């Protein structure tokens, strides 16, 4: 896999960074058996005991087991942002160690911008540029009529397309790759957005990994991460500048 392709895709993923800490907080399972009850309005209260599956790599099994030992108290919005910034800085350093590039920090129209250049760009890619213009953060398509309290959202209308792009005009949306996993709290949101793109006739692909949490591909030691990055790199190679 080309290193410049991998770095390009790593730089396009921060759309989900704001969700990582909120969505990657495991809860210690205390139930001993499955169960489900339903309210009169259809609300489901479900308990599931889900062991670490043998279908994922040994590295992923070990990582999933380690998550059960973690605990985090509720965070303010400021604490969440500070934690995300710290995590991004740490993982960006690891990404550069694995995939060395030149990074030039500059400003475009008053907006902080990083120009990332591979140390050795293949001839076939020298005329290709990937512009990563990402959201400051976005929300999945939760029920706008029953919003949960969230300091990040504040008084913003839940149907604001900048906040939740599923409410935007999705016609002629660019080719899209949506990647998630079965323990991702945004799995349903990702599936719903994929279906919304398909309804408008867009080129949209959905890839669902097994048993891993949100944004697992930032754990660079997992074989599943390598597979995910290869899928993303092939997508960019197929779609970019075509």
Protein backbone atom coordinates (compact mmCIF):
# COMPACT_ATOMS: atom_id res chain seq x y z
CA UNK A 1 0.00 0.00 0.00
CA UNK A 2 1.34 3.44 -0.94
CA UNK A 3 2.35 5.50 2.09
CA UNK A 4 1.15 8.73 0.49
CA UNK A 5 -2.29 7.16 -0.02
CA UNK A 6 -2.43 6.11 3.62
CA UNK A 7 -1.47 9.57 4.88
CA UNK A 8 -4.01 11.15 2.61
CA UNK A 9 -6.78 9.03 4.00
CA UNK A 10 -5.60 9.50 7.58
CA UNK A 11 -6.00 13.21 7.06
CA UNK A 12 -9.55 12.86 5.75
CA UNK A 13 -10.90 10.97 8.72
CA UNK A 14 -11.07 13.72 11.40
CA UNK A 15 -14.77 14.25 10.64
CA UNK A 16 -15.31 11.70 13.42
CA UNK A 17 -12.64 12.88 15.86
CA UNK A 18 -15.08 14.85 17.98
CA UNK A 19 -17.02 11.64 18.61
CA UNK A 20 -14.12 9.36 19.55
CA UNK A 21 -14.05 9.83 23.30
CA UNK A 22 -17.81 10.03 23.64
CA UNK A 23 -18.36 6.89 21.55
CA UNK A 24 -15.39 4.82 22.70
CA UNK A 25 -16.27 4.68 26.38
CA UNK A 26 -16.83 1.03 27.25
CA UNK A 27 -19.12 0.12 30.11
CA UNK A 28 -18.37 -2.72 32.49
CA UNK A 29 -20.96 -5.46 31.85
CA UNK A 30 -22.62 -6.67 35.02
CA UNK A 31 -25.58 -8.55 33.52
CA UNK A 32 -25.41 -12.33 33.37
CA UNK A 33 -28.03 -13.01 30.71
CA UNK A 34 -29.76 -11.39 27.75
CA UNK A 35 -33.06 -9.63 28.24
CA UNK A 36 -35.45 -7.14 26.63
CA UNK A 37 -38.52 -5.17 27.71
CA UNK A 38 -40.59 -2.73 25.67
CA UNK A 39 -42.52 0.40 26.61
CA UNK A 40 -45.95 1.15 25.16
CA UNK A 41 -44.43 3.65 22.69
CA UNK A 42 -42.05 0.99 21.33
CA UNK A 43 -38.98 2.05 23.30
CA UNK A 44 -36.81 -1.02 23.87
CA UNK A 45 -34.73 -1.69 26.99
CA UNK A 46 -32.23 -4.32 25.92
CA UNK A 47 -29.50 -6.15 27.81
CA UNK A 48 -26.98 -8.16 25.86
CA UNK A 49 -24.01 -10.14 27.17
CA UNK A 50 -21.50 -10.13 24.31
CA UNK A 51 -18.21 -12.00 24.78
CA UNK A 52 -15.05 -11.01 22.92
CA UNK A 53 -15.45 -12.85 19.59
CA UNK A 54 -12.87 -15.23 18.21
CA UNK A 55 -13.57 -13.87 14.73
CA UNK A 56 -11.32 -10.84 15.26
CA UNK A 57 -7.53 -10.85 15.43
CA UNK A 58 -5.70 -11.75 18.66
CA UNK A 59 -4.50 -8.14 18.81
CA UNK A 60 -8.09 -6.89 18.62
CA UNK A 61 -9.22 -9.40 21.26
CA UNK A 62 -6.52 -8.16 23.63
CA UNK A 63 -7.43 -4.53 22.95
CA UNK A 64 -11.15 -5.14 23.52
CA UNK A 65 -10.39 -6.88 26.81
CA UNK A 66 -8.25 -3.93 27.92
CA UNK A 67 -11.10 -1.48 27.30
CA UNK A 68 -13.15 -3.12 30.05
CA UNK A 69 -10.52 -1.97 32.57
CA UNK A 70 -10.95 1.67 31.63
CA UNK A 71 -13.36 4.03 33.30
CA UNK A 72 -14.07 7.70 32.67
CA UNK A 73 -16.16 10.14 34.62
CA UNK A 74 -18.51 12.53 32.79
CA UNK A 75 -16.68 15.31 30.91
CA UNK A 76 -17.50 18.91 30.17
CA UNK A 77 -17.33 20.08 26.58
CA UNK A 78 -14.02 21.81 27.32
CA UNK A 79 -12.58 18.61 28.80
CA UNK A 80 -13.78 16.59 25.83
CA UNK A 81 -12.13 19.01 23.40
CA UNK A 82 -8.89 19.03 25.38
CA UNK A 83 -8.85 15.23 25.50
CA UNK A 84 -9.53 15.01 21.77
CA UNK A 85 -6.71 17.45 21.01
CA UNK A 86 -4.31 15.44 23.17
CA UNK A 87 -5.36 12.18 21.54
CA UNK A 88 -5.08 13.66 18.03
CA UNK A 89 -1.59 14.97 18.73
CA UNK A 90 -0.42 11.62 20.09
CA UNK A 91 -1.88 9.54 17.26
CA UNK A 92 -0.73 11.98 14.58
CA UNK A 93 2.82 11.51 15.83
CA UNK A 94 2.40 7.74 15.60
CA UNK A 95 0.98 8.07 12.07
CA UNK A 96 3.98 10.14 10.98
CA UNK A 97 6.33 7.59 12.49
CA UNK A 98 4.71 4.81 10.47
CA UNK A 99 4.13 6.88 7.33
CA UNK A 100 6.76 9.67 7.18
CA UNK A 101 5.70 12.85 5.38
CA UNK A 102 6.57 16.54 5.29
CA UNK A 103 3.99 18.72 7.07
CA UNK A 104 3.95 22.46 6.46
CA UNK A 105 1.65 24.49 8.67
CA UNK A 106 0.25 27.58 6.96
CA UNK A 107 -2.93 29.65 6.74
CA UNK A 108 -5.51 29.88 3.93
CA UNK A 109 -8.04 32.72 4.18
CA UNK A 110 -7.36 32.88 7.91
CA UNK A 111 -7.92 29.15 8.41
CA UNK A 112 -5.12 27.00 9.82
CA UNK A 113 -4.00 24.60 7.10
CA UNK A 114 -1.53 21.72 6.91
CA UNK A 115 0.10 20.95 3.57
CA UNK A 116 1.13 17.30 3.69
CA UNK A 117 3.57 16.01 1.10
CA UNK A 118 4.88 12.44 0.80
CA UNK A 119 8.65 12.09 1.00
CA UNK A 120 8.53 10.18 -2.26
CA UNK A 121 5.49 10.65 -4.49
CA UNK A 122 4.99 8.02 -7.20
CA UNK A 123 4.99 9.47 -10.71
CA UNK A 124 1.36 8.43 -11.27
CA UNK A 125 0.23 10.49 -8.26
CA UNK A 126 2.21 13.68 -8.80
CA UNK A 127 -0.68 15.44 -10.48
CA UNK A 128 -3.21 14.48 -7.81
CA UNK A 129 -4.16 16.58 -4.79
CA UNK A 130 -6.50 15.57 -1.99
CA UNK A 131 -8.16 18.54 -0.27
CA UNK A 132 -9.49 17.63 3.15
CA UNK A 133 -12.11 20.19 4.14
CA UNK A 134 -13.74 18.67 7.18
CA UNK A 135 -16.51 19.58 9.54
CA UNK A 136 -15.60 21.02 12.94
CA UNK A 137 -17.70 18.13 14.20
CA UNK A 138 -20.98 16.57 13.17
CA UNK A 139 -23.80 14.57 14.67
CA UNK A 140 -25.54 11.47 13.46
CA UNK A 141 -29.23 11.54 12.53
CA UNK A 142 -30.71 11.28 16.02
CA UNK A 143 -34.36 12.12 16.53
CA UNK A 144 -34.53 15.93 16.28
CA UNK A 145 -37.89 15.93 18.08
CA UNK A 146 -36.41 14.26 21.18
CA UNK A 147 -32.92 15.75 21.46
CA UNK A 148 -30.61 14.70 24.26
CA UNK A 149 -28.89 17.34 26.34
CA UNK A 150 -25.50 18.08 24.82
CA UNK A 151 -23.32 21.10 25.50
CA UNK A 152 -21.69 20.67 22.09
CA UNK A 153 -25.03 21.21 20.32
CA UNK A 154 -26.37 23.89 22.61
CA UNK A 155 -29.43 25.59 21.12
CA UNK A 156 -28.59 24.70 17.52
CA UNK A 157 -31.47 23.23 15.54
CA UNK A 158 -30.92 19.48 15.32
CA UNK A 159 -31.96 19.60 11.66
CA UNK A 160 -29.23 22.09 10.78
CA UNK A 161 -27.33 20.33 7.94
CA UNK A 162 -24.01 21.66 9.22
CA UNK A 163 -24.68 19.84 12.48
CA UNK A 164 -26.13 16.70 10.91
CA UNK A 165 -25.49 16.32 7.16
CA UNK A 166 -28.30 13.79 6.69
CA UNK A 167 -30.65 16.78 6.66
CA UNK A 168 -28.76 18.48 3.81
CA UNK A 169 -29.42 18.28 0.08
CA UNK A 170 -27.66 15.02 -0.77
CA UNK A 171 -28.21 15.17 -4.52
CA UNK A 172 -24.96 14.86 -6.51
CA UNK A 173 -23.03 14.01 -3.36
CA UNK A 174 -19.45 12.96 -4.18
CA UNK A 175 -18.47 9.27 -4.04
CA UNK A 176 -18.47 8.23 -0.40
CA UNK A 177 -16.98 5.44 1.68
CA UNK A 178 -18.67 4.90 5.05
CA UNK A 179 -16.82 2.66 7.49
CA UNK A 180 -18.02 1.46 10.86
CA UNK A 181 -18.08 -1.63 13.07
CA UNK A 182 -20.61 -3.63 15.04
CA UNK A 183 -19.59 -2.14 18.41
CA UNK A 184 -19.56 1.41 17.07
CA UNK A 185 -22.21 3.52 18.80
CA UNK A 186 -22.60 5.32 15.47
CA UNK A 187 -23.30 2.11 13.53
CA UNK A 188 -27.00 2.87 13.05
CA UNK A 189 -26.27 6.51 12.18
CA UNK A 190 -23.74 5.40 9.57
CA UNK A 191 -26.19 2.92 8.03
CA UNK A 192 -28.94 5.57 7.92
CA UNK A 193 -26.66 8.05 6.19
CA UNK A 194 -25.58 5.39 3.68
CA UNK A 195 -29.22 4.66 2.83
CA UNK A 196 -29.92 8.40 2.48
CA UNK A 197 -27.07 8.69 -0.02
CA UNK A 198 -28.34 5.69 -1.98
CA UNK A 199 -31.88 7.13 -2.11
CA UNK A 200 -30.47 10.12 -3.99
CA UNK A 201 -28.66 7.88 -6.47
CA UNK A 202 -25.17 8.52 -5.15
CA UNK A 203 -22.11 6.29 -5.32
CA UNK A 204 -21.86 5.19 -1.67
CA UNK A 205 -20.12 2.18 -0.18
CA UNK A 206 -20.63 0.83 3.34
CA UNK A 207 -18.04 -1.36 5.10
CA UNK A 208 -18.85 -2.83 8.52
CA UNK A 209 -16.10 -4.48 10.56
CA UNK A 210 -16.75 -7.00 13.31
CA UNK A 211 -16.80 -6.24 17.05
CA UNK A 212 -14.63 -3.11 17.08
CA UNK A 213 -15.52 0.31 18.55
CA UNK A 214 -15.77 3.71 16.89
CA UNK A 215 -12.76 4.87 14.85
CA UNK A 216 -10.80 1.69 15.63
CA UNK A 217 -8.48 2.40 12.69
CA UNK A 218 -6.55 4.88 14.82
CA UNK A 219 -5.16 1.89 16.72
CA UNK A 220 -2.32 1.25 14.28
CA UNK A 221 -1.27 -2.06 15.85
CA UNK A 222 -4.41 -3.94 14.75
CA UNK A 223 -4.44 -6.09 11.59
CA UNK A 224 -7.99 -4.79 11.11
CA UNK A 225 -6.57 -1.27 10.95
CA UNK A 226 -4.24 -2.25 8.14
CA UNK A 227 -7.15 -3.77 6.25
CA UNK A 228 -9.30 -0.68 6.84
CA UNK A 229 -6.56 1.67 5.63
CA UNK A 230 -6.02 -0.46 2.52
CA UNK A 231 -9.74 -0.27 1.72
CA UNK A 232 -9.66 3.51 2.15
CA UNK A 233 -6.52 3.86 0.05
CA UNK A 234 -8.05 1.84 -2.80
CA UNK A 235 -11.18 3.99 -2.61
CA UNK A 236 -9.16 7.19 -2.98
CA UNK A 237 -7.06 5.68 -5.74
CA UNK A 238 -10.21 4.70 -7.64
CA UNK A 239 -12.17 7.92 -7.10
CA UNK A 240 -9.69 10.78 -6.68
CA UNK A 241 -9.44 12.92 -9.79
CA UNK A 242 -11.41 10.53 -11.99
